[in-house]
Amino acid sequence: MFILGTICCRGGSKGVPGKNIKPLLGKPLIAYTVQSALEASLLNDVIVSTDDNEIANIAKAYGAKVPFMRPDDLASDTASKWPVFIHALEAYEKMYNVTVDYLVDMDVTVPLKSAMDINGAIQKALDDETVDVVITGYEPERNPYFNMMEIKADGFAEIVKKGEKPIVRRQDAPEVYSLTPAAYVVKRSALYAFEHWSKAKCKIYPIPRERAVDIDTEIDFRIVEFLMQQQTV
């Protein structure tokens, strides 16, 4: 069983310019994910897939391998991550002459994740051979069966998910999770069998909300900074 950890981050970022290497309490953002990945005992190796030389050099400085650079056509802001995963897997297998059984992608934008979170998601995949993908998630503040509405074509709003009877208490609504890209555990065969993870058989590995914050804006960055400061108090 060979489990490859990947950290896929390109140079461009619209929400927060230079986000992947932006300093966060004295360290570049990518450093937190590299360190958590290296501490995850179930990963056999950890690599970074990037098109950016500065990102590559920083990743290497914190202990990750950057055995190849990502092609430009997989580094645009419209590129899907699924082909990026396949490229990383195939390039790694060819370079190191191994067969990767699971690819575990860990997003730089979730710096509060822990090695325990990564290992837990991997173990959930290993415990059930029928599962194609395990994704980290957290219990959201909104539930589509209870307090989320969709604007229809006629301009009227309707509850997003309708049950047989209206849900009048949040506790009665089906269990739902918000996804966080702390870890995506993908079976090798699933990368070739499906065009996207949403087509595969998925399970959720829950992690605490305070470790699941995904940085997409400057406000998110400040929230993570605040949470990290509280950890040191």
Protein backbone atom coordinates (compact mmCIF):
# COMPACT_ATOMS: atom_id res chain seq x y z
CA MET A 1 0.00 0.00 0.00
CA PHE A 2 1.54 3.29 -1.12
CA ILE A 3 -0.14 6.55 -0.11
CA LEU A 4 1.10 9.73 -1.74
CA GLY A 5 0.47 13.12 -0.16
CA THR A 6 0.13 16.02 -2.58
CA ILE A 7 0.00 19.75 -1.94
CA CYS A 8 -1.23 21.37 -5.14
CA CYS A 9 -0.85 25.15 -5.29
CA ARG A 10 -0.31 27.44 -8.23
CA GLY A 11 1.28 30.86 -8.27
CA GLY A 12 -1.78 32.95 -9.08
CA SER A 13 -4.47 33.85 -6.56
CA LYS A 14 -7.28 36.33 -7.08
CA GLY A 15 -8.90 36.44 -3.64
CA VAL A 16 -5.67 36.97 -1.70
CA PRO A 17 -2.68 37.82 -3.96
CA GLY A 18 0.32 35.59 -3.26
CA LYS A 19 -1.87 33.66 -0.82
CA ASN A 20 0.01 30.37 -0.80
CA ILE A 21 3.21 31.95 0.53
CA LYS A 22 1.70 34.93 2.36
CA PRO A 23 3.24 35.24 5.85
CA LEU A 24 1.04 33.92 8.64
CA LEU A 25 2.44 34.52 12.14
CA GLY A 26 5.98 34.49 10.81
CA LYS A 27 5.74 31.54 8.39
CA PRO A 28 4.54 31.30 4.79
CA LEU A 29 1.05 29.81 4.54
CA ILE A 30 2.24 26.69 2.71
CA ALA A 31 4.58 25.81 5.58
CA TYR A 32 1.71 24.80 7.87
CA THR A 33 0.35 22.22 5.43
CA VAL A 34 3.82 20.87 4.63
CA GLN A 35 4.53 20.37 8.32
CA SER A 36 1.19 18.68 9.06
CA ALA A 37 1.63 16.40 6.04
CA LEU A 38 5.14 15.38 7.07
CA GLU A 39 3.82 14.51 10.54
CA ALA A 40 1.02 12.31 9.12
CA SER A 41 2.30 8.78 9.68
CA LEU A 42 0.07 7.15 7.06
CA LEU A 43 1.61 9.10 4.17
CA ASN A 44 4.53 7.40 2.43
CA ASP A 45 5.73 10.59 0.77
CA VAL A 46 4.76 14.26 0.41
CA ILE A 47 5.21 16.32 -2.75
CA VAL A 48 4.20 19.77 -3.92
CA SER A 49 2.74 20.34 -7.38
CA THR A 50 3.22 23.95 -8.48
CA ASP A 51 4.07 26.09 -11.47
CA ASP A 52 5.76 28.73 -9.31
CA ASN A 53 9.50 28.65 -8.52
CA GLU A 54 9.15 30.72 -5.34
CA ILE A 55 6.50 28.36 -3.98
CA ALA A 56 8.70 25.40 -4.92
CA ASN A 57 11.74 26.80 -3.12
CA ILE A 58 9.78 27.59 0.05
CA ALA A 59 8.17 24.15 0.05
CA LYS A 60 11.60 22.51 -0.22
CA ALA A 61 12.90 24.67 2.62
CA TYR A 62 10.20 23.23 4.88
CA GLY A 63 10.91 19.63 3.89
CA ALA A 64 8.55 18.81 1.03
CA LYS A 65 9.72 17.35 -2.27
CA VAL A 66 9.09 19.20 -5.53
CA PRO A 67 10.21 16.55 -8.03
CA PHE A 68 8.65 18.28 -11.05
CA MET A 69 6.92 21.51 -12.02
CA ARG A 70 3.28 21.62 -13.03
CA PRO A 71 2.58 22.28 -16.74
CA ASP A 72 1.16 25.70 -17.58
CA ASP A 73 -2.09 24.25 -18.94
CA LEU A 74 -2.81 22.79 -15.48
CA ALA A 75 -1.96 26.02 -13.65
CA SER A 76 -4.62 28.40 -14.97
CA ASP A 77 -7.37 29.76 -12.74
CA THR A 78 -9.89 27.66 -14.70
CA ALA A 79 -8.04 24.35 -14.41
CA SER A 80 -9.77 21.59 -12.45
CA LYS A 81 -7.81 19.83 -9.73
CA TRP A 82 -8.74 16.34 -10.95
CA PRO A 83 -6.34 16.48 -13.97
CA VAL A 84 -3.74 18.02 -11.64
CA PHE A 85 -4.06 14.97 -9.37
CA ILE A 86 -3.65 12.59 -12.31
CA HIS A 87 -0.60 14.47 -13.57
CA ALA A 88 1.02 14.41 -10.13
CA LEU A 89 0.33 10.70 -9.67
CA GLU A 90 1.61 9.68 -13.10
CA ALA A 91 4.70 11.90 -12.94
CA TYR A 92 5.55 10.59 -9.47
CA GLU A 93 5.03 6.93 -10.45
CA LYS A 94 7.26 7.33 -13.52
CA MET A 95 9.97 9.16 -11.60
CA TYR A 96 10.10 6.81 -8.59
CA ASN A 97 8.97 3.56 -10.23
CA VAL A 98 6.16 2.90 -7.73
CA THR A 99 2.41 2.36 -7.94
CA VAL A 100 0.37 4.81 -5.89
CA ASP A 101 -2.72 3.24 -4.28
CA TYR A 102 -4.17 6.42 -2.77
CA LEU A 103 -3.54 10.08 -3.44
CA VAL A 104 -4.17 12.43 -0.53
CA ASP A 105 -4.42 16.07 -1.49
CA MET A 106 -4.10 18.65 1.28
CA ASP A 107 -5.00 22.24 0.49
CA VAL A 108 -2.66 25.01 1.62
CA THR A 109 -5.67 27.20 2.43
CA VAL A 110 -6.63 25.08 5.48
CA PRO A 111 -3.56 25.71 7.68
CA LEU A 112 -5.16 24.71 10.99
CA LYS A 113 -5.60 21.06 10.00
CA SER A 114 -3.55 18.56 11.96
CA ALA A 115 -1.70 15.36 11.13
CA MET A 116 -4.45 13.63 13.12
CA ASP A 117 -7.07 14.98 10.71
CA ILE A 118 -5.08 13.74 7.70
CA ASN A 119 -4.47 10.31 9.22
CA GLY A 120 -8.13 10.02 10.22
CA ALA A 121 -9.36 10.67 6.69
CA ILE A 122 -6.89 8.16 5.26
CA GLN A 123 -7.85 5.51 7.80
CA LYS A 124 -11.54 5.96 6.96
CA ALA A 125 -10.73 5.21 3.31
CA LEU A 126 -8.61 2.19 4.21
CA ASP A 127 -11.34 0.79 6.45
CA ASP A 128 -13.87 0.55 3.61
CA GLU A 129 -12.69 -0.77 0.24
CA THR A 130 -15.99 0.23 -1.40
CA VAL A 131 -15.25 3.94 -0.85
CA ASP A 132 -13.63 5.88 -3.68
CA VAL A 133 -13.11 9.23 -1.97
CA VAL A 134 -13.01 10.48 1.62
CA ILE A 135 -13.31 14.24 2.13
CA THR A 136 -12.91 16.24 5.32
CA GLY A 137 -15.96 18.22 6.39
CA TYR A 138 -17.50 20.02 9.34
CA GLU A 139 -21.00 20.58 10.70
CA PRO A 140 -22.27 23.80 9.09
CA GLU A 141 -24.27 26.61 10.63
CA ARG A 142 -26.93 26.25 7.90
CA ASN A 143 -28.86 23.19 6.76
CA PRO A 144 -30.44 23.05 3.27
CA TYR A 145 -33.45 21.17 4.67
CA PHE A 146 -34.11 23.81 7.33
CA ASN A 147 -32.73 27.32 6.80
CA MET A 148 -31.26 27.65 3.31
CA MET A 149 -33.35 28.93 0.38
CA GLU A 150 -32.86 28.96 -3.38
CA ILE A 151 -34.12 31.70 -5.71
CA LYS A 152 -36.04 30.01 -8.52
CA ALA A 153 -36.40 31.23 -12.13
CA ASP A 154 -39.70 32.93 -11.29
CA GLY A 155 -38.00 35.00 -8.58
CA PHE A 156 -39.62 33.23 -5.64
CA ALA A 157 -37.57 31.57 -2.88
CA GLU A 158 -37.95 27.93 -1.88
CA ILE A 159 -36.23 25.76 0.70
CA VAL A 160 -33.23 24.12 -0.99
CA LYS A 161 -34.01 20.53 0.03
CA LYS A 162 -37.60 19.47 0.56
CA GLY A 163 -38.47 16.43 2.62
CA GLU A 164 -41.83 14.65 2.63
CA LYS A 165 -42.85 16.99 5.44
CA PRO A 166 -41.50 20.45 6.32
CA ILE A 167 -38.60 20.37 8.78
CA VAL A 168 -39.62 22.55 11.73
CA ARG A 169 -36.65 21.77 14.02
CA ARG A 170 -33.01 21.80 12.96
CA GLN A 171 -32.46 18.65 15.00
CA ASP A 172 -34.90 16.79 12.72
CA ALA A 173 -33.07 17.69 9.52
CA PRO A 174 -30.84 15.11 7.79
CA GLU A 175 -27.15 15.27 8.70
CA VAL A 176 -25.19 17.49 6.32
CA TYR A 177 -21.59 18.69 6.16
CA SER A 178 -19.75 21.62 4.66
CA LEU A 179 -16.67 20.43 2.82
CA THR A 180 -13.23 21.70 3.70
CA PRO A 181 -10.20 20.79 1.57
CA ALA A 182 -8.05 19.82 4.56
CA ALA A 183 -7.72 16.37 2.98
CA TYR A 184 -9.12 14.63 -0.09
CA VAL A 185 -8.29 10.93 -0.02
CA VAL A 186 -8.74 9.50 -3.51
CA LYS A 187 -8.37 5.87 -4.53
CA ARG A 188 -6.15 5.50 -7.59
CA SER A 189 -8.81 3.74 -9.63
CA ALA A 190 -11.29 6.55 -8.93
CA LEU A 191 -9.06 9.09 -10.66
CA TYR A 192 -9.54 7.23 -13.92
CA ALA A 193 -13.10 5.98 -13.41
CA PHE A 194 -14.69 9.38 -12.73
CA GLU A 195 -14.35 12.87 -14.19
CA HIS A 196 -14.88 14.47 -10.78
CA TRP A 197 -14.96 13.36 -7.15
CA SER A 198 -18.70 14.13 -6.93
CA LYS A 199 -19.37 11.22 -9.30
CA ALA A 200 -17.60 8.74 -7.00
CA LYS A 201 -18.68 6.92 -3.84
CA CYS A 202 -17.75 9.36 -1.09
CA LYS A 203 -17.63 9.47 2.67
CA ILE A 204 -17.02 12.39 5.01
CA TYR A 205 -14.41 12.52 7.72
CA PRO A 206 -15.59 15.17 10.22
CA ILE A 207 -13.08 17.58 11.72
CA PRO A 208 -13.69 20.41 14.20
CA ARG A 209 -14.88 23.63 12.66
CA GLU A 210 -12.02 25.61 14.21
CA ARG A 211 -9.51 23.48 12.25
CA ALA A 212 -11.55 23.56 9.03
CA VAL A 213 -11.40 27.26 8.12
CA ASP A 214 -10.59 27.60 4.40
CA ILE A 215 -8.80 30.83 3.45
CA ASP A 216 -10.39 32.40 0.40
CA THR A 217 -10.44 36.10 1.36
CA GLU A 218 -8.49 38.55 3.50
CA ILE A 219 -11.16 38.18 6.20
CA ASP A 220 -10.60 34.40 6.29
CA PHE A 221 -6.88 35.06 6.64
CA ARG A 222 -7.49 37.28 9.66
CA ILE A 223 -9.82 34.70 11.23
CA VAL A 224 -7.15 32.01 10.95
CA GLU A 225 -4.55 34.38 12.35
CA PHE A 226 -6.81 35.09 15.34
CA LEU A 227 -7.45 31.38 15.96
CA MET A 228 -3.75 30.60 15.85
CA GLN A 229 -3.02 33.41 18.29
CA GLN A 230 -5.62 32.01 20.68
CA GLN A 231 -3.87 28.62 20.59
CA THR A 232 -0.71 30.22 21.95
CA VAL A 233 -2.44 32.14 24.75
